[in-house]
Every structure is written in C-alpha cells, then in structure tokens.
Amino acid sequence: MTSRNFATLLIMFLFAIGFVLFVSPSVFARDVGQWANADPTINAWYQGLMQPDYPALSCCGHSDAYWCDEIHIRDSKTYCNITDDRPDDPLVRPHIDIGTEVFIPDYKLKWDNGNPTGHAIVFMGKYGNVYCFVQSGGA
C-alpha cells in the first residue's frame, strides 16, 4: 500500500467518523408520539426552554419534566418536592416518587420564559441531575 492510498483511506475513515458523530445526537431523541395530543403552545414552550447556565443547551422536554410545586428555601438553598402524579409510561420518563426532595442549584433557576403549565417544573436527567427549574406562573 502506498502512502497516498493510506492517506486517502485515512481521510475517508475520518470523514465517516465525523459524519456519524454529527448525525448521532438525533438518534437518541425520544419522540415516539407521546406528545401528539399535547397543547401546541405548551409544546413550543418546552422546545424553547434553554438552560440558564448553558443557553445553547435545551432544558429538554416532557420526558425530563416533573411537577415540583412544593418549593422551600433552607439555608439560602432552593428545594422542591415532586408533586407529579402523571403516569410515567406515556411520558417515557423514569419514575420519581411523589414527595422526593430535589435540590435546585441557583444557576439552574430559570426566570426568563414564563410558564404556561400551571406547575413549577424541574427538568432532570436520568441520574437526578437538574437541567432547569421553572417556577409556575406567567406565560
């Protein structure tokens, strides 16, 4: 194999890897029709929410959102307790028991986009990491 052939193969390989990495984030999206009957205004609100500390990253969506209406401050730190009694399967999300206390870091408090849902919402990842917290009220 000549060095020119090797270089060509290497470039093709790197291009293929780059293409896979570019396309792969969309593979993990979880739209399995669970929001087909949801209010389009609320869907648009979910889609437009960005993390306050990383404004280029989404707060995520319905499958990461939990009602967390019991809010309290302790030692100058914000906490909420899960109040979400909706079934988890249609939302394609992990179960979190009602009453579970969640610590909300100050840098995850979101104030700029209102909230048309009527509930305070915490957006959490699979392992309990908080993406955003939006208080109820405003539109």
Protein backbone atom coordinates (compact mmCIF):
# COMPACT_ATOMS: atom_id res chain seq x y z
CA MET A 1 0.00 0.00 0.00
CA THR A 2 1.42 3.34 -0.97
CA SER A 3 1.43 6.30 1.34
CA ARG A 4 -1.01 8.05 -0.99
CA ASN A 5 -3.53 5.19 -0.73
CA PHE A 6 -3.11 5.13 3.04
CA ALA A 7 -3.72 8.88 3.27
CA THR A 8 -6.85 8.56 1.12
CA LEU A 9 -8.19 5.74 3.30
CA LEU A 10 -7.40 7.69 6.46
CA ILE A 11 -9.26 10.76 5.19
CA MET A 12 -12.27 8.63 4.21
CA PHE A 13 -12.25 6.97 7.64
CA LEU A 14 -12.05 10.29 9.48
CA PHE A 15 -14.85 11.71 7.32
CA ALA A 16 -17.05 8.68 8.13
CA ILE A 17 -16.37 9.03 11.87
CA GLY A 18 -17.15 12.76 11.70
CA PHE A 19 -20.39 12.08 9.86
CA VAL A 20 -21.51 9.51 12.44
CA LEU A 21 -20.73 11.87 15.31
CA PHE A 22 -22.60 14.71 13.61
CA VAL A 23 -25.73 12.64 12.90
CA SER A 24 -25.84 10.53 16.08
CA PRO A 25 -27.34 13.08 18.54
CA SER A 26 -30.64 12.97 16.67
CA VAL A 27 -30.72 9.19 17.02
CA PHE A 28 -31.33 9.48 20.76
CA ALA A 29 -34.35 11.81 20.53
CA ARG A 30 -37.34 10.25 22.27
CA ASP A 31 -40.34 11.27 20.19
CA VAL A 32 -42.44 8.14 19.98
CA GLY A 33 -45.70 10.00 19.50
CA GLN A 34 -46.21 10.66 23.22
CA TRP A 35 -46.91 14.37 22.61
CA ALA A 36 -49.19 14.11 19.60
CA ASN A 37 -52.25 15.17 21.64
CA ALA A 38 -50.49 17.81 23.76
CA ASP A 39 -51.26 21.53 23.54
CA PRO A 40 -49.08 23.02 20.74
CA THR A 41 -48.49 26.20 22.76
CA ILE A 42 -47.08 24.22 25.67
CA ASN A 43 -45.04 22.03 23.30
CA ALA A 44 -43.49 25.17 21.79
CA TRP A 45 -42.74 26.47 25.29
CA TYR A 46 -40.95 23.21 26.18
CA GLN A 47 -38.97 23.31 22.93
CA GLY A 48 -37.87 26.90 23.52
CA LEU A 49 -36.53 26.45 27.06
CA MET A 50 -32.77 26.69 27.31
CA GLN A 51 -30.59 26.01 30.36
CA PRO A 52 -29.80 29.24 32.23
CA ASP A 53 -26.14 28.33 32.71
CA TYR A 54 -25.71 26.88 29.18
CA PRO A 55 -28.01 28.96 26.93
CA ALA A 56 -27.17 26.85 23.87
CA LEU A 57 -28.50 23.67 25.54
CA SER A 58 -32.14 22.74 25.91
CA CYS A 59 -33.78 22.15 29.28
CA CYS A 60 -35.03 19.03 27.49
CA GLY A 61 -38.71 18.18 27.22
CA HIS A 62 -41.75 16.39 28.57
CA SER A 63 -39.82 13.20 29.37
CA ASP A 64 -37.44 15.10 31.67
CA ALA A 65 -40.07 17.32 33.31
CA TYR A 66 -41.58 16.72 36.73
CA TRP A 67 -44.09 18.89 38.56
CA CYS A 68 -42.37 20.13 41.67
CA ASP A 69 -44.88 22.51 43.23
CA GLU A 70 -43.76 22.39 46.87
CA ILE A 71 -40.89 24.88 46.94
CA HIS A 72 -38.93 25.84 50.03
CA ILE A 73 -35.72 27.61 50.98
CA ARG A 74 -33.39 26.17 53.60
CA ASP A 75 -30.02 27.72 54.49
CA SER A 76 -30.35 30.00 51.43
CA LYS A 77 -30.71 26.98 49.12
CA THR A 78 -33.75 26.15 46.98
CA TYR A 79 -35.50 22.78 47.20
CA CYS A 80 -38.70 21.42 45.75
CA ASN A 81 -40.69 18.28 46.39
CA ILE A 82 -42.02 16.25 43.47
CA THR A 83 -45.81 16.56 43.19
CA ASP A 84 -46.20 14.97 39.75
CA ASP A 85 -48.87 12.26 39.76
CA ARG A 86 -48.95 11.78 35.97
CA PRO A 87 -48.20 8.25 34.72
CA ASP A 88 -44.57 7.90 33.61
CA ASP A 89 -45.02 5.46 30.71
CA PRO A 90 -46.83 7.84 28.31
CA LEU A 91 -44.15 10.48 29.02
CA VAL A 92 -41.35 7.93 28.54
CA ARG A 93 -39.57 9.00 31.72
CA PRO A 94 -38.09 7.35 34.81
CA HIS A 95 -40.33 7.24 37.86
CA ILE A 96 -39.67 9.61 40.77
CA ASP A 97 -41.83 9.18 43.87
CA ILE A 98 -44.15 11.99 44.94
CA GLY A 99 -42.56 13.82 47.87
CA THR A 100 -38.98 13.27 46.71
CA GLU A 101 -36.97 16.37 47.63
CA VAL A 102 -34.80 17.85 44.89
CA PHE A 103 -32.03 20.40 45.47
CA ILE A 104 -32.12 23.17 42.85
CA PRO A 105 -28.75 24.88 42.31
CA ASP A 106 -29.08 28.67 41.94
CA TYR A 107 -27.56 28.54 38.45
CA LYS A 108 -30.42 26.24 37.30
CA LEU A 109 -33.22 28.68 38.27
CA LYS A 110 -34.92 29.88 35.09
CA TRP A 111 -36.78 33.19 35.16
CA ASP A 112 -36.92 34.48 31.58
CA ASN A 113 -39.54 32.44 29.74
CA GLY A 114 -42.68 32.32 31.88
CA ASN A 115 -44.52 29.07 32.45
CA PRO A 116 -47.92 28.30 30.90
CA THR A 117 -48.32 24.87 32.55
CA GLY A 118 -49.70 25.94 35.94
CA HIS A 119 -46.98 23.94 37.73
CA ALA A 120 -43.43 24.56 38.87
CA ILE A 121 -41.31 22.18 36.81
CA VAL A 122 -37.92 20.64 37.44
CA PHE A 123 -36.16 19.15 34.41
CA MET A 124 -33.95 16.26 35.49
CA GLY A 125 -31.69 13.76 33.79
CA LYS A 126 -31.67 10.02 34.24
CA TYR A 127 -29.40 10.21 37.30
CA GLY A 128 -31.17 13.11 39.01
CA ASN A 129 -29.03 15.92 37.63
CA VAL A 130 -31.08 19.12 37.36
CA TYR A 131 -31.12 20.83 33.94
CA CYS A 132 -33.58 23.64 34.76
CA PHE A 133 -36.16 24.72 37.29
CA VAL A 134 -39.07 26.92 36.22
CA GLN A 135 -41.49 28.33 38.77
CA SER A 136 -45.18 28.34 37.96
CA GLY A 137 -46.95 31.44 36.66
CA GLY A 138 -46.53 33.77 33.72
CA ALA A 139 -46.82 32.88 30.09
